[in-house]
Amino acid sequence: MAMSRDTLLGYLTDAFPEAEITLTDLAGDDNHWQAEIVSPQFAGLPRVKQHQMVYSALKGAMGGELHALALKTKAPSS
């Protein structure tokens, strides 16, 4: 089972409501995504912590409904 763009965007928007989120379907199969997330919630946090926050927002779907997710995360520039 794959994860639709709308479902993935919903998880991410719920967790990061002020973020700029860009999703790219890397394989055209709703199963291999890239997410670019620019969120003030990431300010001052190391990239590993930022990625952990994203995985947490997916509520266990990573590795099941969502097979692969490439992440690019950062805080907005001042």
PDB file of N, CA and C in Angstrom:
ATOM      1  N   MET A   1       0.851  -1.186   0.000  1.00  0.00           N
ATOM      2  CA  MET A   1       0.000   0.000   0.000  1.00  0.00           C
ATOM      3  C   MET A   1       0.886   1.236   0.000  1.00  0.00           C
ATOM      4  N   ALA A   2       0.591   2.166  -0.835  1.00  0.00           N
ATOM      5  CA  ALA A   2       1.363   3.394  -0.955  1.00  0.00           C
ATOM      6  C   ALA A   2       0.664   4.517  -0.188  1.00  0.00           C
ATOM      7  N   MET A   3       1.383   5.632  -0.032  1.00  0.00           N
ATOM      8  CA  MET A   3       0.822   6.792   0.655  1.00  0.00           C
ATOM      9  C   MET A   3       0.623   7.919  -0.364  1.00  0.00           C
ATOM     10  N   SER A   4      -0.579   8.420  -0.446  1.00  0.00           N
ATOM     11  CA  SER A   4      -0.870   9.492  -1.398  1.00  0.00           C
ATOM     12  C   SER A   4      -0.219  10.796  -0.957  1.00  0.00           C
ATOM     13  N   ARG A   5      -0.036  11.680  -1.922  1.00  0.00           N
ATOM     14  CA  ARG A   5       0.498  13.019  -1.634  1.00  0.00           C
ATOM     15  C   ARG A   5      -0.356  13.724  -0.580  1.00  0.00           C
ATOM     16  N   ASP A   6      -1.683  13.637  -0.708  1.00  0.00           N
ATOM     17  CA  ASP A   6      -2.574  14.318   0.231  1.00  0.00           C
ATOM     18  C   ASP A   6      -2.408  13.792   1.652  1.00  0.00           C
ATOM     19  N   THR A   7      -2.266  12.484   1.795  1.00  0.00           N
ATOM     20  CA  THR A   7      -2.089  11.893   3.125  1.00  0.00           C
ATOM     21  C   THR A   7      -0.766  12.331   3.730  1.00  0.00           C
ATOM     22  N   LEU A   8       0.305  12.237   2.963  1.00  0.00           N
ATOM     23  CA  LEU A   8       1.617  12.649   3.451  1.00  0.00           C
ATOM     24  C   LEU A   8       1.623  14.129   3.802  1.00  0.00           C
ATOM     25  N   LEU A   9       1.082  14.947   2.932  1.00  0.00           N
ATOM     26  CA  LEU A   9       1.028  16.382   3.197  1.00  0.00           C
ATOM     27  C   LEU A   9       0.197  16.675   4.442  1.00  0.00           C
ATOM     28  N   GLY A  10      -0.868  15.923   4.637  1.00  0.00           N
ATOM     29  CA  GLY A  10      -1.699  16.104   5.834  1.00  0.00           C
ATOM     30  C   GLY A  10      -0.926  15.838   7.114  1.00  0.00           C
ATOM     31  N   TYR A  11      -0.184  14.726   7.167  1.00  0.00           N
ATOM     32  CA  TYR A  11       0.645  14.439   8.342  1.00  0.00           C
ATOM     33  C   TYR A  11       1.624  15.568   8.604  1.00  0.00           C
ATOM     34  N   LEU A  12       2.298  16.006   7.553  1.00  0.00           N
ATOM     35  CA  LEU A  12       3.339  17.018   7.718  1.00  0.00           C
ATOM     36  C   LEU A  12       2.760  18.380   8.074  1.00  0.00           C
ATOM     37  N   THR A  13       1.646  18.738   7.471  1.00  0.00           N
ATOM     38  CA  THR A  13       1.014  20.027   7.765  1.00  0.00           C
ATOM     39  C   THR A  13       0.469  20.057   9.187  1.00  0.00           C
ATOM     40  N   ASP A  14      -0.072  18.948   9.649  1.00  0.00           N
ATOM     41  CA  ASP A  14      -0.561  18.881  11.033  1.00  0.00           C
ATOM     42  C   ASP A  14       0.581  19.114  12.022  1.00  0.00           C
ATOM     43  N   ALA A  15       1.736  18.531  11.745  1.00  0.00           N
ATOM     44  CA  ALA A  15       2.872  18.634  12.668  1.00  0.00           C
ATOM     45  C   ALA A  15       3.633  19.948  12.524  1.00  0.00           C
ATOM     46  N   PHE A  16       3.632  20.488  11.307  1.00  0.00           N
ATOM     47  CA  PHE A  16       4.412  21.699  11.022  1.00  0.00           C
ATOM     48  C   PHE A  16       3.532  22.716  10.297  1.00  0.00           C
ATOM     49  N   PRO A  17       2.559  23.293  11.018  1.00  0.00           N
ATOM     50  CA  PRO A  17       1.560  24.148  10.360  1.00  0.00           C
ATOM     51  C   PRO A  17       2.127  25.418   9.719  1.00  0.00           C
ATOM     52  N   GLU A  18       3.255  25.903  10.197  1.00  0.00           N
ATOM     53  CA  GLU A  18       3.827  27.138   9.651  1.00  0.00           C
ATOM     54  C   GLU A  18       4.905  26.861   8.610  1.00  0.00           C
ATOM     55  N   ALA A  19       5.092  25.615   8.251  1.00  0.00           N
ATOM     56  CA  ALA A  19       6.195  25.229   7.368  1.00  0.00           C
ATOM     57  C   ALA A  19       5.858  25.437   5.898  1.00  0.00           C
ATOM     58  N   GLU A  20       6.922  25.629   5.130  1.00  0.00           N
ATOM     59  CA  GLU A  20       6.838  25.530   3.671  1.00  0.00           C
ATOM     60  C   GLU A  20       7.222  24.085   3.352  1.00  0.00           C
ATOM     61  N   ILE A  21       6.329  23.359   2.712  1.00  0.00           N
ATOM     62  CA  ILE A  21       6.543  21.933   2.441  1.00  0.00           C
ATOM     63  C   ILE A  21       6.441  21.689   0.940  1.00  0.00           C
ATOM     64  N   THR A  22       7.473  21.058   0.393  1.00  0.00           N
ATOM     65  CA  THR A  22       7.477  20.668  -1.013  1.00  0.00           C
ATOM     66  C   THR A  22       7.651  19.159  -1.083  1.00  0.00           C
ATOM     67  N   LEU A  23       6.720  18.484  -1.737  1.00  0.00           N
ATOM     68  CA  LEU A  23       6.787  17.033  -1.890  1.00  0.00           C
ATOM     69  C   LEU A  23       7.078  16.667  -3.342  1.00  0.00           C
ATOM     70  N   THR A  24       7.970  15.700  -3.524  1.00  0.00           N
ATOM     71  CA  THR A  24       8.291  15.194  -4.852  1.00  0.00           C
ATOM     72  C   THR A  24       8.163  13.682  -4.832  1.00  0.00           C
ATOM     73  N   ASP A  25       7.357  13.149  -5.743  1.00  0.00           N
ATOM     74  CA  ASP A  25       7.209  11.704  -5.890  1.00  0.00           C
ATOM     75  C   ASP A  25       8.367  11.227  -6.770  1.00  0.00           C
ATOM     76  N   LEU A  26       9.369  10.634  -6.159  1.00  0.00           N
ATOM     77  CA  LEU A  26      10.617  10.308  -6.850  1.00  0.00           C
ATOM     78  C   LEU A  26      10.486   9.193  -7.880  1.00  0.00           C
ATOM     79  N   ALA A  27       9.543   8.290  -7.689  1.00  0.00           N
ATOM     80  CA  ALA A  27       9.424   7.144  -8.601  1.00  0.00           C
ATOM     81  C   ALA A  27       8.068   7.079  -9.307  1.00  0.00           C
ATOM     82  N   GLY A  28       7.188   8.027  -9.018  1.00  0.00           N
ATOM     83  CA  GLY A  28       5.866   8.010  -9.643  1.00  0.00           C
ATOM     84  C   GLY A  28       4.956   6.926  -9.119  1.00  0.00           C
ATOM     85  N   ASP A  29       5.250   6.427  -7.904  1.00  0.00           N
ATOM     86  CA  ASP A  29       4.480   5.304  -7.374  1.00  0.00           C
ATOM     87  C   ASP A  29       3.837   5.576  -6.016  1.00  0.00           C
ATOM     88  N   ASP A  30       3.861   6.825  -5.561  1.00  0.00           N
ATOM     89  CA  ASP A  30       3.335   7.187  -4.226  1.00  0.00           C
ATOM     90  C   ASP A  30       3.999   6.382  -3.114  1.00  0.00           C
ATOM     91  N   ASN A  31       5.208   5.925  -3.331  1.00  0.00           N
ATOM     92  CA  ASN A  31       5.883   5.076  -2.360  1.00  0.00           C
ATOM     93  C   ASN A  31       7.311   5.532  -2.066  1.00  0.00           C
ATOM     94  N   HIS A  32       7.826   6.415  -2.887  1.00  0.00           N
ATOM     95  CA  HIS A  32       9.189   6.933  -2.721  1.00  0.00           C
ATOM     96  C   HIS A  32       9.126   8.455  -2.832  1.00  0.00           C
ATOM     97  N   TRP A  33       9.137   9.116  -1.691  1.00  0.00           N
ATOM     98  CA  TRP A  33       8.931  10.558  -1.643  1.00  0.00           C
ATOM     99  C   TRP A  33      10.186  11.297  -1.204  1.00  0.00           C
ATOM    100  N   GLN A  34      10.248  12.542  -1.633  1.00  0.00           N
ATOM    101  CA  GLN A  34      11.207  13.494  -1.061  1.00  0.00           C
ATOM    102  C   GLN A  34      10.387  14.632  -0.473  1.00  0.00           C
ATOM    103  N   ALA A  35      10.709  15.027   0.739  1.00  0.00           N
ATOM    104  CA  ALA A  35      10.045  16.149   1.383  1.00  0.00           C
ATOM    105  C   ALA A  35      11.086  17.204   1.734  1.00  0.00           C
ATOM    106  N   GLU A  36      10.826  18.416   1.284  1.00  0.00           N
ATOM    107  CA  GLU A  36      11.630  19.564   1.681  1.00  0.00           C
ATOM    108  C   GLU A  36      10.760  20.386   2.618  1.00  0.00           C
ATOM    109  N   ILE A  37      11.239  20.553   3.856  1.00  0.00           N
ATOM    110  CA  ILE A  37      10.434  21.216   4.879  1.00  0.00           C
ATOM    111  C   ILE A  37      11.260  22.341   5.487  1.00  0.00           C
ATOM    112  N   VAL A  38      10.734  23.554   5.402  1.00  0.00           N
ATOM    113  CA  VAL A  38      11.351  24.718   6.024  1.00  0.00           C
ATOM    114  C   VAL A  38      10.392  25.157   7.130  1.00  0.00           C
ATOM    115  N   SER A  39      10.818  24.972   8.377  1.00  0.00           N
ATOM    116  CA  SER A  39       9.927  25.231   9.511  1.00  0.00           C
ATOM    117  C   SER A  39      10.648  25.974  10.625  1.00  0.00           C
ATOM    118  N   PRO A  40       9.981  26.958  11.211  1.00  0.00           N
ATOM    119  CA  PRO A  40      10.570  27.621  12.372  1.00  0.00           C
ATOM    120  C   PRO A  40      10.774  26.669  13.553  1.00  0.00           C
ATOM    121  N   GLN A  41      10.055  25.554  13.571  1.00  0.00           N
ATOM    122  CA  GLN A  41      10.217  24.572  14.644  1.00  0.00           C
ATOM    123  C   GLN A  41      11.607  23.929  14.621  1.00  0.00           C
ATOM    124  N   PHE A  42      12.316  24.029  13.504  1.00  0.00           N
ATOM    125  CA  PHE A  42      13.638  23.424  13.380  1.00  0.00           C
ATOM    126  C   PHE A  42      14.764  24.353  13.858  1.00  0.00           C
ATOM    127  N   ALA A  43      14.441  25.584  14.184  1.00  0.00           N
ATOM    128  CA  ALA A  43      15.465  26.561  14.560  1.00  0.00           C
ATOM    129  C   ALA A  43      16.298  26.059  15.735  1.00  0.00           C
ATOM    130  N   GLY A  44      17.603  26.079  15.555  1.00  0.00           N
ATOM    131  CA  GLY A  44      18.525  25.700  16.618  1.00  0.00           C
ATOM    132  C   GLY A  44      18.676  24.209  16.845  1.00  0.00           C
ATOM    133  N   LEU A  45      17.998  23.391  16.058  1.00  0.00           N
ATOM    134  CA  LEU A  45      18.058  21.943  16.251  1.00  0.00           C
ATOM    135  C   LEU A  45      18.993  21.302  15.228  1.00  0.00           C
ATOM    136  N   PRO A  46      19.733  20.276  15.645  1.00  0.00           N
ATOM    137  CA  PRO A  46      20.554  19.557  14.673  1.00  0.00           C
ATOM    138  C   PRO A  46      19.667  18.803  13.681  1.00  0.00           C
ATOM    139  N   ARG A  47      20.217  18.528  12.531  1.00  0.00           N
ATOM    140  CA  ARG A  47      19.460  17.866  11.461  1.00  0.00           C
ATOM    141  C   ARG A  47      18.872  16.529  11.913  1.00  0.00           C
ATOM    142  N   VAL A  48      19.607  15.776  12.715  1.00  0.00           N
ATOM    143  CA  VAL A  48      19.092  14.479  13.190  1.00  0.00           C
ATOM    144  C   VAL A  48      17.801  14.684  13.976  1.00  0.00           C
ATOM    145  N   LYS A  49      17.765  15.674  14.838  1.00  0.00           N
ATOM    146  CA  LYS A  49      16.562  15.956  15.625  1.00  0.00           C
ATOM    147  C   LYS A  49      15.421  16.411  14.714  1.00  0.00           C
ATOM    148  N   GLN A  50      15.737  17.223  13.704  1.00  0.00           N
ATOM    149  CA  GLN A  50      14.725  17.669  12.751  1.00  0.00           C
ATOM    150  C   GLN A  50      14.086  16.465  12.056  1.00  0.00           C
ATOM    151  N   HIS A  51      14.920  15.535  11.623  1.00  0.00           N
ATOM    152  CA  HIS A  51      14.414  14.350  10.926  1.00  0.00           C
ATOM    153  C   HIS A  51      13.604  13.458  11.870  1.00  0.00           C
ATOM    154  N   GLN A  52      14.031  13.358  13.112  1.00  0.00           N
ATOM    155  CA  GLN A  52      13.261  12.581  14.091  1.00  0.00           C
ATOM    156  C   GLN A  52      11.874  13.186  14.278  1.00  0.00           C
ATOM    157  N   MET A  53      11.789  14.507  14.260  1.00  0.00           N
ATOM    158  CA  MET A  53      10.497  15.180  14.394  1.00  0.00           C
ATOM    159  C   MET A  53       9.582  14.835  13.215  1.00  0.00           C
ATOM    160  N   VAL A  54      10.159  14.786  12.020  1.00  0.00           N
ATOM    161  CA  VAL A  54       9.372  14.443  10.832  1.00  0.00           C
ATOM    162  C   VAL A  54       8.889  12.998  10.924  1.00  0.00           C
ATOM    163  N   TYR A  55       9.781  12.073  11.264  1.00  0.00           N
ATOM    164  CA  TYR A  55       9.379  10.662  11.376  1.00  0.00           C
ATOM    165  C   TYR A  55       8.291  10.488  12.435  1.00  0.00           C
ATOM    166  N   SER A  56       8.391  11.224  13.525  1.00  0.00           N
ATOM    167  CA  SER A  56       7.373  11.164  14.567  1.00  0.00           C
ATOM    168  C   SER A  56       6.021  11.647  14.038  1.00  0.00           C
ATOM    169  N   ALA A  57       6.052  12.661  13.192  1.00  0.00           N
ATOM    170  CA  ALA A  57       4.810  13.206  12.621  1.00  0.00           C
ATOM    171  C   ALA A  57       4.099  12.192  11.731  1.00  0.00           C
ATOM    172  N   LEU A  58       4.827  11.204  11.223  1.00  0.00           N
ATOM    173  CA  LEU A  58       4.243  10.205  10.320  1.00  0.00           C
ATOM    174  C   LEU A  58       3.493   9.101  11.064  1.00  0.00           C
ATOM    175  N   LYS A  59       3.537   9.121  12.371  1.00  0.00           N
ATOM    176  CA  LYS A  59       2.732   8.235  13.223  1.00  0.00           C
ATOM    177  C   LYS A  59       2.843   6.760  12.852  1.00  0.00           C
ATOM    178  N   GLY A  60       4.068   6.309  12.629  1.00  0.00           N
ATOM    179  CA  GLY A  60       4.303   4.895  12.386  1.00  0.00           C
ATOM    180  C   GLY A  60       4.136   4.443  10.943  1.00  0.00           C
ATOM    181  N   ALA A  61       3.822   5.350  10.038  1.00  0.00           N
ATOM    182  CA  ALA A  61       3.614   4.962   8.636  1.00  0.00           C
ATOM    183  C   ALA A  61       4.924   4.680   7.904  1.00  0.00           C
ATOM    184  N   MET A  62       6.038   5.204   8.409  1.00  0.00           N
ATOM    185  CA  MET A  62       7.327   4.997   7.748  1.00  0.00           C
ATOM    186  C   MET A  62       7.703   3.525   7.821  1.00  0.00           C
ATOM    187  N   GLY A  63       8.063   2.958   6.674  1.00  0.00           N
ATOM    188  CA  GLY A  63       8.423   1.550   6.617  1.00  0.00           C
ATOM    189  C   GLY A  63       7.235   0.636   6.356  1.00  0.00           C
ATOM    190  N   GLY A  64       6.050   1.177   6.435  1.00  0.00           N
ATOM    191  CA  GLY A  64       4.843   0.404   6.143  1.00  0.00           C
ATOM    192  C   GLY A  64       4.152   1.010   4.940  1.00  0.00           C
ATOM    193  N   GLU A  65       3.193   1.873   5.220  1.00  0.00           N
ATOM    194  CA  GLU A  65       2.451   2.556   4.155  1.00  0.00           C
ATOM    195  C   GLU A  65       3.374   3.449   3.316  1.00  0.00           C
ATOM    196  N   LEU A  66       4.403   3.981   3.956  1.00  0.00           N
ATOM    197  CA  LEU A  66       5.386   4.828   3.275  1.00  0.00           C
ATOM    198  C   LEU A  66       6.718   4.097   3.259  1.00  0.00           C
ATOM    199  N   HIS A  67       7.174   3.715   2.079  1.00  0.00           N
ATOM    200  CA  HIS A  67       8.377   2.901   1.955  1.00  0.00           C
ATOM    201  C   HIS A  67       9.653   3.715   2.093  1.00  0.00           C
ATOM    202  N   ALA A  68       9.733   4.869   1.430  1.00  0.00           N
ATOM    203  CA  ALA A  68      10.982   5.651   1.431  1.00  0.00           C
ATOM    204  C   ALA A  68      10.663   7.135   1.458  1.00  0.00           C
ATOM    205  N   LEU A  69      11.428   7.866   2.268  1.00  0.00           N
ATOM    206  CA  LEU A  69      11.253   9.310   2.370  1.00  0.00           C
ATOM    207  C   LEU A  69      12.622   9.964   2.492  1.00  0.00           C
ATOM    208  N   ALA A  70      12.994  10.698   1.465  1.00  0.00           N
ATOM    209  CA  ALA A  70      14.229  11.486   1.512  1.00  0.00           C
ATOM    210  C   ALA A  70      13.860  12.842   2.102  1.00  0.00           C
ATOM    211  N   LEU A  71      14.638  13.293   3.079  1.00  0.00           N
ATOM    212  CA  LEU A  71      14.309  14.537   3.775  1.00  0.00           C
ATOM    213  C   LEU A  71      15.354  15.612   3.548  1.00  0.00           C
ATOM    214  N   LYS A  72      14.839  16.827   3.364  1.00  0.00           N
ATOM    215  CA  LYS A  72      15.657  18.040   3.398  1.00  0.00           C
ATOM    216  C   LYS A  72      14.922  18.971   4.350  1.00  0.00           C
ATOM    217  N   THR A  73      15.525  19.239   5.497  1.00  0.00           N
ATOM    218  CA  THR A  73      14.880  20.065   6.500  1.00  0.00           C
ATOM    219  C   THR A  73      15.778  21.220   6.891  1.00  0.00           C
ATOM    220  N   LYS A  74      15.160  22.351   7.242  1.00  0.00           N
ATOM    221  CA  LYS A  74      15.916  23.476   7.755  1.00  0.00           C
ATOM    222  C   LYS A  74      14.946  24.512   8.330  1.00  0.00           C
ATOM    223  N   ALA A  75      15.514  25.408   9.131  1.00  0.00           N
ATOM    224  CA  ALA A  75      14.759  26.530   9.652  1.00  0.00           C
ATOM    225  C   ALA A  75      14.804  27.653   8.614  1.00  0.00           C
ATOM    226  N   PRO A  76      13.813  28.537   8.629  1.00  0.00           N
ATOM    227  CA  PRO A  76      13.839  29.648   7.693  1.00  0.00           C
ATOM    228  C   PRO A  76      15.040  30.564   7.952  1.00  0.00           C
ATOM    229  N   SER A  77      15.526  31.194   6.914  1.00  0.00           N
ATOM    230  CA  SER A  77      16.616  32.160   7.068  1.00  0.00           C
ATOM    231  C   SER A  77      16.057  33.431   7.683  1.00  0.00           C
ATOM    232  N   SER A  78      16.860  34.042   8.505  1.00  0.00           N
ATOM    233  CA  SER A  78      16.391  35.294   9.171  1.00  0.00           C
ATOM    234  C   SER A  78      16.447  36.467   8.238  1.00  0.00           C
TER     235      SER A  78
END
